[in-house]
Amino acid sequence: MKIRIAGIEVEYSAFGEGLEALSDPPTRQEETALAALFAAITAQELTPQKVESYRSLGMAQRGRFLLRSTDPAGHPKEHYGRWVKGKALLEG
C-alpha cells in the first residue's frame, strides 16, 4: 500500500509472525519512527522508496524496518532501521 509520512510517499508492507503479510496501515509509533528514519535517509541525499515493517520484532530490534531508497542517479540502496529510546537508528 502507498503511504505518506513526513511528506514522503512510499510503498509500505507489514509482516507479522511467520512473515504473514498484514494489510494494516502503520501504527502511530511506526509513523514516528519512519519519519525520523526518512529524515536520516534524505540527509544522505537519498530518496525513500519502499518500507517493510517486521512487526514480530520489537521496535528496537535490528531488522525491524527494511527501507529501500535510491541515490540521485537512481541506484538502489537498502537500509535497516529501528527505533531505540526515542531515536532512529539507520544501518546500511
PDB file of N, CA and C in Angstrom:
ATOM      1  N   MET A   1       0.841  -1.182   0.000  1.00  0.00           N
ATOM      2  CA  MET A   1       0.000   0.000   0.000  1.00  0.00           C
ATOM      3  C   MET A   1       0.878   1.236   0.000  1.00  0.00           C
ATOM      4  N   LYS A   2       0.394   2.281  -0.612  1.00  0.00           N
ATOM      5  CA  LYS A   2       1.112   3.564  -0.618  1.00  0.00           C
ATOM      6  C   LYS A   2       0.739   4.326   0.645  1.00  0.00           C
ATOM      7  N   ILE A   3       1.747   4.893   1.300  1.00  0.00           N
ATOM      8  CA  ILE A   3       1.518   5.740   2.473  1.00  0.00           C
ATOM      9  C   ILE A   3       2.321   7.019   2.297  1.00  0.00           C
ATOM     10  N   ARG A   4       1.931   8.043   3.055  1.00  0.00           N
ATOM     11  CA  ARG A   4       2.670   9.311   3.055  1.00  0.00           C
ATOM     12  C   ARG A   4       3.016   9.637   4.507  1.00  0.00           C
ATOM     13  N   ILE A   5       4.315   9.764   4.757  1.00  0.00           N
ATOM     14  CA  ILE A   5       4.812  10.123   6.089  1.00  0.00           C
ATOM     15  C   ILE A   5       5.834  11.227   5.899  1.00  0.00           C
ATOM     16  N   ALA A   6       5.701  12.286   6.670  1.00  0.00           N
ATOM     17  CA  ALA A   6       6.621  13.433   6.608  1.00  0.00           C
ATOM     18  C   ALA A   6       6.724  13.970   5.178  1.00  0.00           C
ATOM     19  N   GLY A   7       5.609  13.941   4.462  1.00  0.00           N
ATOM     20  CA  GLY A   7       5.578  14.476   3.108  1.00  0.00           C
ATOM     21  C   GLY A   7       6.205  13.578   2.052  1.00  0.00           C
ATOM     22  N   ILE A   8       6.573  12.363   2.438  1.00  0.00           N
ATOM     23  CA  ILE A   8       7.217  11.428   1.515  1.00  0.00           C
ATOM     24  C   ILE A   8       6.284  10.247   1.280  1.00  0.00           C
ATOM     25  N   GLU A   9       6.007   9.957   0.016  1.00  0.00           N
ATOM     26  CA  GLU A   9       5.150   8.822  -0.322  1.00  0.00           C
ATOM     27  C   GLU A   9       6.019   7.613  -0.650  1.00  0.00           C
ATOM     28  N   VAL A  10       5.717   6.485   0.006  1.00  0.00           N
ATOM     29  CA  VAL A  10       6.463   5.245  -0.209  1.00  0.00           C
ATOM     30  C   VAL A  10       5.492   4.071  -0.271  1.00  0.00           C
ATOM     31  N   GLU A  11       5.992   2.969  -0.763  1.00  0.00           N
ATOM     32  CA  GLU A  11       5.257   1.705  -0.730  1.00  0.00           C
ATOM     33  C   GLU A  11       5.530   1.086   0.640  1.00  0.00           C
ATOM     34  N   TYR A  12       4.467   0.654   1.349  1.00  0.00           N
ATOM     35  CA  TYR A  12       4.589   0.127   2.709  1.00  0.00           C
ATOM     36  C   TYR A  12       4.024  -1.286   2.760  1.00  0.00           C
ATOM     37  N   SER A  13       4.765  -2.186   3.388  1.00  0.00           N
ATOM     38  CA  SER A  13       4.306  -3.552   3.630  1.00  0.00           C
ATOM     39  C   SER A  13       4.597  -3.892   5.080  1.00  0.00           C
ATOM     40  N   ALA A  14       3.674  -4.610   5.711  1.00  0.00           N
ATOM     41  CA  ALA A  14       3.871  -5.049   7.090  1.00  0.00           C
ATOM     42  C   ALA A  14       3.752  -6.568   7.142  1.00  0.00           C
ATOM     43  N   PHE A  15       4.568  -7.165   8.003  1.00  0.00           N
ATOM     44  CA  PHE A  15       4.570  -8.612   8.151  1.00  0.00           C
ATOM     45  C   PHE A  15       4.482  -8.960   9.628  1.00  0.00           C
ATOM     46  N   GLY A  16       3.721 -10.009   9.940  1.00  0.00           N
ATOM     47  CA  GLY A  16       3.557 -10.462  11.309  1.00  0.00           C
ATOM     48  C   GLY A  16       4.350 -11.737  11.557  1.00  0.00           C
ATOM     49  N   GLU A  17       3.869 -12.518  12.526  1.00  0.00           N
ATOM     50  CA  GLU A  17       4.510 -13.788  12.856  1.00  0.00           C
ATOM     51  C   GLU A  17       4.588 -14.674  11.622  1.00  0.00           C
ATOM     52  N   GLY A  18       5.697 -15.372  11.462  1.00  0.00           N
ATOM     53  CA  GLY A  18       5.864 -16.270  10.331  1.00  0.00           C
ATOM     54  C   GLY A  18       5.858 -15.567   8.991  1.00  0.00           C
ATOM     55  N   LEU A  19       6.169 -14.276   8.995  1.00  0.00           N
ATOM     56  CA  LEU A  19       6.194 -13.441   7.787  1.00  0.00           C
ATOM     57  C   LEU A  19       4.847 -13.380   7.079  1.00  0.00           C
ATOM     58  N   GLU A  20       3.773 -13.500   7.870  1.00  0.00           N
ATOM     59  CA  GLU A  20       2.420 -13.355   7.323  1.00  0.00           C
ATOM     60  C   GLU A  20       2.202 -11.899   6.910  1.00  0.00           C
ATOM     61  N   ALA A  21       1.807 -11.693   5.659  1.00  0.00           N
ATOM     62  CA  ALA A  21       1.554 -10.330   5.170  1.00  0.00           C
ATOM     63  C   ALA A  21       0.334  -9.750   5.872  1.00  0.00           C
ATOM     64  N   LEU A  22       0.459  -8.514   6.339  1.00  0.00           N
ATOM     65  CA  LEU A  22      -0.634  -7.811   7.011  1.00  0.00           C
ATOM     66  C   LEU A  22      -1.095  -6.664   6.124  1.00  0.00           C
ATOM     67  N   SER A  23      -2.371  -6.337   6.204  1.00  0.00           N
ATOM     68  CA  SER A  23      -2.893  -5.228   5.392  1.00  0.00           C
ATOM     69  C   SER A  23      -3.102  -3.966   6.220  1.00  0.00           C
ATOM     70  N   ASP A  24      -2.638  -3.980   7.468  1.00  0.00           N
ATOM     71  CA  ASP A  24      -2.804  -2.837   8.365  1.00  0.00           C
ATOM     72  C   ASP A  24      -1.909  -1.673   7.946  1.00  0.00           C
ATOM     73  N   PRO A  25      -2.395  -0.443   8.139  1.00  0.00           N
ATOM     74  CA  PRO A  25      -1.524   0.721   7.930  1.00  0.00           C
ATOM     75  C   PRO A  25      -0.521   0.813   9.087  1.00  0.00           C
ATOM     76  N   PRO A  26       0.478   1.666   8.981  1.00  0.00           N
ATOM     77  CA  PRO A  26       1.450   1.807  10.070  1.00  0.00           C
ATOM     78  C   PRO A  26       0.786   2.310  11.353  1.00  0.00           C
ATOM     79  N   THR A  27       1.312   1.846  12.485  1.00  0.00           N
ATOM     80  CA  THR A  27       0.841   2.336  13.777  1.00  0.00           C
ATOM     81  C   THR A  27       1.421   3.731  14.002  1.00  0.00           C
ATOM     82  N   ARG A  28       0.917   4.437  15.000  1.00  0.00           N
ATOM     83  CA  ARG A  28       1.461   5.770  15.313  1.00  0.00           C
ATOM     84  C   ARG A  28       2.945   5.691  15.658  1.00  0.00           C
ATOM     85  N   GLN A  29       3.312   4.660  16.421  1.00  0.00           N
ATOM     86  CA  GLN A  29       4.723   4.505  16.796  1.00  0.00           C
ATOM     87  C   GLN A  29       5.579   4.250  15.552  1.00  0.00           C
ATOM     88  N   GLU A  30       5.079   3.445  14.633  1.00  0.00           N
ATOM     89  CA  GLU A  30       5.814   3.212  13.384  1.00  0.00           C
ATOM     90  C   GLU A  30       5.935   4.502  12.580  1.00  0.00           C
ATOM     91  N   GLU A  31       4.866   5.278  12.510  1.00  0.00           N
ATOM     92  CA  GLU A  31       4.903   6.549  11.776  1.00  0.00           C
ATOM     93  C   GLU A  31       5.969   7.476  12.334  1.00  0.00           C
ATOM     94  N   THR A  32       6.055   7.548  13.662  1.00  0.00           N
ATOM     95  CA  THR A  32       7.064   8.392  14.310  1.00  0.00           C
ATOM     96  C   THR A  32       8.468   7.911  13.954  1.00  0.00           C
ATOM     97  N   ALA A  33       8.682   6.603  14.067  1.00  0.00           N
ATOM     98  CA  ALA A  33       9.994   6.037  13.746  1.00  0.00           C
ATOM     99  C   ALA A  33      10.333   6.245  12.273  1.00  0.00           C
ATOM    100  N   LEU A  34       9.370   6.012  11.393  1.00  0.00           N
ATOM    101  CA  LEU A  34       9.630   6.150   9.960  1.00  0.00           C
ATOM    102  C   LEU A  34       9.913   7.594   9.571  1.00  0.00           C
ATOM    103  N   ALA A  35       9.230   8.545  10.182  1.00  0.00           N
ATOM    104  CA  ALA A  35       9.502   9.958   9.884  1.00  0.00           C
ATOM    105  C   ALA A  35      10.956  10.285  10.209  1.00  0.00           C
ATOM    106  N   ALA A  36      11.443   9.795  11.348  1.00  0.00           N
ATOM    107  CA  ALA A  36      12.838  10.040  11.734  1.00  0.00           C
ATOM    108  C   ALA A  36      13.805   9.286  10.819  1.00  0.00           C
ATOM    109  N   LEU A  37      13.462   8.060  10.446  1.00  0.00           N
ATOM    110  CA  LEU A  37      14.318   7.291   9.539  1.00  0.00           C
ATOM    111  C   LEU A  37      14.367   7.932   8.155  1.00  0.00           C
ATOM    112  N   PHE A  38      13.226   8.435   7.680  1.00  0.00           N
ATOM    113  CA  PHE A  38      13.199   9.122   6.384  1.00  0.00           C
ATOM    114  C   PHE A  38      14.085  10.369   6.424  1.00  0.00           C
ATOM    115  N   ALA A  39      14.066  11.084   7.553  1.00  0.00           N
ATOM    116  CA  ALA A  39      14.915  12.274   7.689  1.00  0.00           C
ATOM    117  C   ALA A  39      16.390  11.887   7.591  1.00  0.00           C
ATOM    118  N   ALA A  40      16.762  10.769   8.216  1.00  0.00           N
ATOM    119  CA  ALA A  40      18.151  10.302   8.155  1.00  0.00           C
ATOM    120  C   ALA A  40      18.536   9.893   6.733  1.00  0.00           C
ATOM    121  N   ILE A  41      17.599   9.290   6.018  1.00  0.00           N
ATOM    122  CA  ILE A  41      17.869   8.870   4.634  1.00  0.00           C
ATOM    123  C   ILE A  41      17.996  10.082   3.720  1.00  0.00           C
ATOM    124  N   THR A  42      17.067  11.024   3.831  1.00  0.00           N
ATOM    125  CA  THR A  42      17.114  12.198   2.951  1.00  0.00           C
ATOM    126  C   THR A  42      18.322  13.086   3.267  1.00  0.00           C
ATOM    127  N   ALA A  43      18.823  13.044   4.508  1.00  0.00           N
ATOM    128  CA  ALA A  43      20.029  13.800   4.859  1.00  0.00           C
ATOM    129  C   ALA A  43      21.246  13.280   4.093  1.00  0.00           C
ATOM    130  N   GLN A  44      21.173  12.042   3.627  1.00  0.00           N
ATOM    131  CA  GLN A  44      22.251  11.445   2.826  1.00  0.00           C
ATOM    132  C   GLN A  44      22.006  11.655   1.327  1.00  0.00           C
ATOM    133  N   GLU A  45      21.060  12.529   1.006  1.00  0.00           N
ATOM    134  CA  GLU A  45      20.674  12.827  -0.375  1.00  0.00           C
ATOM    135  C   GLU A  45      20.137  11.598  -1.099  1.00  0.00           C
ATOM    136  N   LEU A  46      19.427  10.749  -0.354  1.00  0.00           N
ATOM    137  CA  LEU A  46      18.764   9.573  -0.902  1.00  0.00           C
ATOM    138  C   LEU A  46      17.258   9.790  -0.829  1.00  0.00           C
ATOM    139  N   THR A  47      16.504   9.073  -1.648  1.00  0.00           N
ATOM    140  CA  THR A  47      15.050   9.199  -1.677  1.00  0.00           C
ATOM    141  C   THR A  47      14.416   7.885  -1.241  1.00  0.00           C
ATOM    142  N   PRO A  48      13.676   7.879  -0.111  1.00  0.00           N
ATOM    143  CA  PRO A  48      12.986   6.658   0.314  1.00  0.00           C
ATOM    144  C   PRO A  48      11.979   6.209  -0.743  1.00  0.00           C
ATOM    145  N   GLN A  49      11.914   4.901  -0.984  1.00  0.00           N
ATOM    146  CA  GLN A  49      11.010   4.337  -1.976  1.00  0.00           C
ATOM    147  C   GLN A  49      10.046   3.315  -1.386  1.00  0.00           C
ATOM    148  N   LYS A  50      10.569   2.447  -0.509  1.00  0.00           N
ATOM    149  CA  LYS A  50       9.773   1.328  -0.009  1.00  0.00           C
ATOM    150  C   LYS A  50      10.182   0.999   1.418  1.00  0.00           C
ATOM    151  N   VAL A  51       9.186   0.573   2.226  1.00  0.00           N
ATOM    152  CA  VAL A  51       9.429   0.181   3.614  1.00  0.00           C
ATOM    153  C   VAL A  51       8.769  -1.163   3.865  1.00  0.00           C
ATOM    154  N   GLU A  52       9.494  -2.050   4.535  1.00  0.00           N
ATOM    155  CA  GLU A  52       8.919  -3.290   5.031  1.00  0.00           C
ATOM    156  C   GLU A  52       9.055  -3.258   6.543  1.00  0.00           C
ATOM    157  N   SER A  53       7.934  -3.470   7.233  1.00  0.00           N
ATOM    158  CA  SER A  53       7.921  -3.463   8.690  1.00  0.00           C
ATOM    159  C   SER A  53       7.700  -4.886   9.181  1.00  0.00           C
ATOM    160  N   TYR A  54       8.635  -5.382   9.979  1.00  0.00           N
ATOM    161  CA  TYR A  54       8.535  -6.730  10.528  1.00  0.00           C
ATOM    162  C   TYR A  54       8.047  -6.618  11.972  1.00  0.00           C
ATOM    163  N   ARG A  55       6.723  -6.667  12.131  1.00  0.00           N
ATOM    164  CA  ARG A  55       6.100  -6.403  13.422  1.00  0.00           C
ATOM    165  C   ARG A  55       6.345  -7.482  14.462  1.00  0.00           C
ATOM    166  N   SER A  56       6.820  -8.662  14.056  1.00  0.00           N
ATOM    167  CA  SER A  56       7.136  -9.692  15.046  1.00  0.00           C
ATOM    168  C   SER A  56       8.396  -9.315  15.826  1.00  0.00           C
ATOM    169  N   LEU A  57       9.149  -8.350  15.312  1.00  0.00           N
ATOM    170  CA  LEU A  57      10.330  -7.831  16.010  1.00  0.00           C
ATOM    171  C   LEU A  57       9.938  -6.584  16.790  1.00  0.00           C
ATOM    172  N   GLY A  58      10.575  -6.369  17.913  1.00  0.00           N
ATOM    173  CA  GLY A  58      10.337  -5.149  18.677  1.00  0.00           C
ATOM    174  C   GLY A  58      10.870  -3.939  17.931  1.00  0.00           C
ATOM    175  N   MET A  59      10.387  -2.758  18.293  1.00  0.00           N
ATOM    176  CA  MET A  59      10.800  -1.529  17.606  1.00  0.00           C
ATOM    177  C   MET A  59      12.313  -1.311  17.688  1.00  0.00           C
ATOM    178  N   ALA A  60      12.959  -1.802  18.769  1.00  0.00           N
ATOM    179  CA  ALA A  60      14.392  -1.576  18.958  1.00  0.00           C
ATOM    180  C   ALA A  60      15.256  -2.694  18.374  1.00  0.00           C
ATOM    181  N   GLN A  61      14.636  -3.757  17.866  1.00  0.00           N
ATOM    182  CA  GLN A  61      15.411  -4.880  17.353  1.00  0.00           C
ATOM    183  C   GLN A  61      15.963  -4.612  15.960  1.00  0.00           C
ATOM    184  N   ARG A  62      17.176  -5.085  15.738  1.00  0.00           N
ATOM    185  CA  ARG A  62      17.813  -4.935  14.425  1.00  0.00           C
ATOM    186  C   ARG A  62      16.953  -5.639  13.378  1.00  0.00           C
ATOM    187  N   GLY A  63      16.726  -4.962  12.267  1.00  0.00           N
ATOM    188  CA  GLY A  63      15.933  -5.531  11.193  1.00  0.00           C
ATOM    189  C   GLY A  63      14.445  -5.258  11.286  1.00  0.00           C
ATOM    190  N   ARG A  64      14.021  -4.429  12.271  1.00  0.00           N
ATOM    191  CA  ARG A  64      12.586  -4.126  12.400  1.00  0.00           C
ATOM    192  C   ARG A  64      12.047  -3.529  11.101  1.00  0.00           C
ATOM    193  N   PHE A  65      12.781  -2.587  10.523  1.00  0.00           N
ATOM    194  CA  PHE A  65      12.374  -1.971   9.258  1.00  0.00           C
ATOM    195  C   PHE A  65      13.442  -2.237   8.200  1.00  0.00           C
ATOM    196  N   LEU A  66      13.004  -2.622   7.015  1.00  0.00           N
ATOM    197  CA  LEU A  66      13.877  -2.688   5.851  1.00  0.00           C
ATOM    198  C   LEU A  66      13.422  -1.562   4.943  1.00  0.00           C
ATOM    199  N   LEU A  67      14.314  -0.628   4.690  1.00  0.00           N
ATOM    200  CA  LEU A  67      13.983   0.540   3.876  1.00  0.00           C
ATOM    201  C   LEU A  67      14.790   0.498   2.590  1.00  0.00           C
ATOM    202  N   ARG A  68      14.127   0.773   1.502  1.00  0.00           N
ATOM    203  CA  ARG A  68      14.801   0.841   0.207  1.00  0.00           C
ATOM    204  C   ARG A  68      14.722   2.278  -0.289  1.00  0.00           C
ATOM    205  N   SER A  69      15.830   2.752  -0.822  1.00  0.00           N
ATOM    206  CA  SER A  69      15.887   4.124  -1.319  1.00  0.00           C
ATOM    207  C   SER A  69      16.697   4.140  -2.612  1.00  0.00           C
ATOM    208  N   THR A  70      16.764   5.311  -3.222  1.00  0.00           N
ATOM    209  CA  THR A  70      17.592   5.487  -4.416  1.00  0.00           C
ATOM    210  C   THR A  70      18.461   6.725  -4.240  1.00  0.00           C
ATOM    211  N   ASP A  71      19.637   6.678  -4.861  1.00  0.00           N
ATOM    212  CA  ASP A  71      20.506   7.847  -4.851  1.00  0.00           C
ATOM    213  C   ASP A  71      20.108   8.758  -6.018  1.00  0.00           C
ATOM    214  N   PRO A  72      20.723   9.941  -6.134  1.00  0.00           N
ATOM    215  CA  PRO A  72      20.333  10.870  -7.202  1.00  0.00           C
ATOM    216  C   PRO A  72      20.440  10.283  -8.620  1.00  0.00           C
ATOM    217  N   ALA A  73      21.311   9.293  -8.810  1.00  0.00           N
ATOM    218  CA  ALA A  73      21.460   8.668 -10.128  1.00  0.00           C
ATOM    219  C   ALA A  73      20.469   7.525 -10.339  1.00  0.00           C
ATOM    220  N   GLY A  74      19.645   7.248  -9.308  1.00  0.00           N
ATOM    221  CA  GLY A  74      18.645   6.189  -9.422  1.00  0.00           C
ATOM    222  C   GLY A  74      19.113   4.814  -8.991  1.00  0.00           C
ATOM    223  N   HIS A  75      20.328   4.721  -8.431  1.00  0.00           N
ATOM    224  CA  HIS A  75      20.840   3.436  -7.966  1.00  0.00           C
ATOM    225  C   HIS A  75      20.163   3.048  -6.649  1.00  0.00           C
ATOM    226  N   PRO A  76      19.744   1.793  -6.506  1.00  0.00           N
ATOM    227  CA  PRO A  76      19.055   1.360  -5.287  1.00  0.00           C
ATOM    228  C   PRO A  76      20.006   1.196  -4.102  1.00  0.00           C
ATOM    229  N   LYS A  77      19.478   1.467  -2.927  1.00  0.00           N
ATOM    230  CA  LYS A  77      20.196   1.294  -1.661  1.00  0.00           C
ATOM    231  C   LYS A  77      19.245   0.595  -0.690  1.00  0.00           C
ATOM    232  N   GLU A  78      19.790  -0.163   0.256  1.00  0.00           N
ATOM    233  CA  GLU A  78      18.991  -0.793   1.305  1.00  0.00           C
ATOM    234  C   GLU A  78      19.533  -0.377   2.661  1.00  0.00           C
ATOM    235  N   HIS A  79      18.617  -0.207   3.605  1.00  0.00           N
ATOM    236  CA  HIS A  79      18.971   0.188   4.965  1.00  0.00           C
ATOM    237  C   HIS A  79      18.116  -0.625   5.933  1.00  0.00           C
ATOM    238  N   TYR A  80      18.662  -0.888   7.107  1.00  0.00           N
ATOM    239  CA  TYR A  80      17.871  -1.450   8.192  1.00  0.00           C
ATOM    240  C   TYR A  80      17.667  -0.330   9.195  1.00  0.00           C
ATOM    241  N   GLY A  81      16.471  -0.244   9.722  1.00  0.00           N
ATOM    242  CA  GLY A  81      16.173   0.806  10.676  1.00  0.00           C
ATOM    243  C   GLY A  81      15.474   0.259  11.898  1.00  0.00           C
ATOM    244  N   ARG A  82      15.620   0.977  12.995  1.00  0.00           N
ATOM    245  CA  ARG A  82      14.921   0.638  14.238  1.00  0.00           C
ATOM    246  C   ARG A  82      14.760   1.891  15.068  1.00  0.00           C
ATOM    247  N   TRP A  83      13.971   1.797  16.117  1.00  0.00           N
ATOM    248  CA  TRP A  83      13.634   2.915  16.985  1.00  0.00           C
ATOM    249  C   TRP A  83      14.066   2.542  18.390  1.00  0.00           C
ATOM    250  N   VAL A  84      15.126   3.191  18.905  1.00  0.00           N
ATOM    251  CA  VAL A  84      15.686   2.848  20.205  1.00  0.00           C
ATOM    252  C   VAL A  84      15.669   4.072  21.106  1.00  0.00           C
ATOM    253  N   LYS A  85      14.965   3.973  22.213  1.00  0.00           N
ATOM    254  CA  LYS A  85      14.901   5.043  23.214  1.00  0.00           C
ATOM    255  C   LYS A  85      14.593   6.402  22.593  1.00  0.00           C
ATOM    256  N   GLY A  86      13.613   6.427  21.693  1.00  0.00           N
ATOM    257  CA  GLY A  86      13.184   7.681  21.087  1.00  0.00           C
ATOM    258  C   GLY A  86      14.073   8.209  19.981  1.00  0.00           C
ATOM    259  N   LYS A  87      14.992   7.371  19.500  1.00  0.00           N
ATOM    260  CA  LYS A  87      15.888   7.797  18.423  1.00  0.00           C
ATOM    261  C   LYS A  87      15.868   6.778  17.290  1.00  0.00           C
ATOM    262  N   ALA A  88      15.964   7.290  16.081  1.00  0.00           N
ATOM    263  CA  ALA A  88      16.028   6.428  14.903  1.00  0.00           C
ATOM    264  C   ALA A  88      17.466   5.979  14.684  1.00  0.00           C
ATOM    265  N   LEU A  89      17.651   4.693  14.451  1.00  0.00           N
ATOM    266  CA  LEU A  89      18.965   4.155  14.110  1.00  0.00           C
ATOM    267  C   LEU A  89      18.874   3.570  12.713  1.00  0.00           C
ATOM    268  N   LEU A  90      19.711   4.049  11.833  1.00  0.00           N
ATOM    269  CA  LEU A  90      19.728   3.618  10.440  1.00  0.00           C
ATOM    270  C   LEU A  90      21.052   2.921  10.169  1.00  0.00           C
ATOM    271  N   GLU A  91      20.978   1.716   9.654  1.00  0.00           N
ATOM    272  CA  GLU A  91      22.178   0.933   9.359  1.00  0.00           C
ATOM    273  C   GLU A  91      22.187   0.597   7.874  1.00  0.00           C
ATOM    274  N   GLY A  92      23.302   0.847   7.231  1.00  0.00           N
ATOM    275  CA  GLY A  92      23.433   0.491   5.815  1.00  0.00           C
ATOM    276  C   GLY A  92      23.243   1.652   4.889  1.00  0.00           C
TER     277      GLY A  92
END
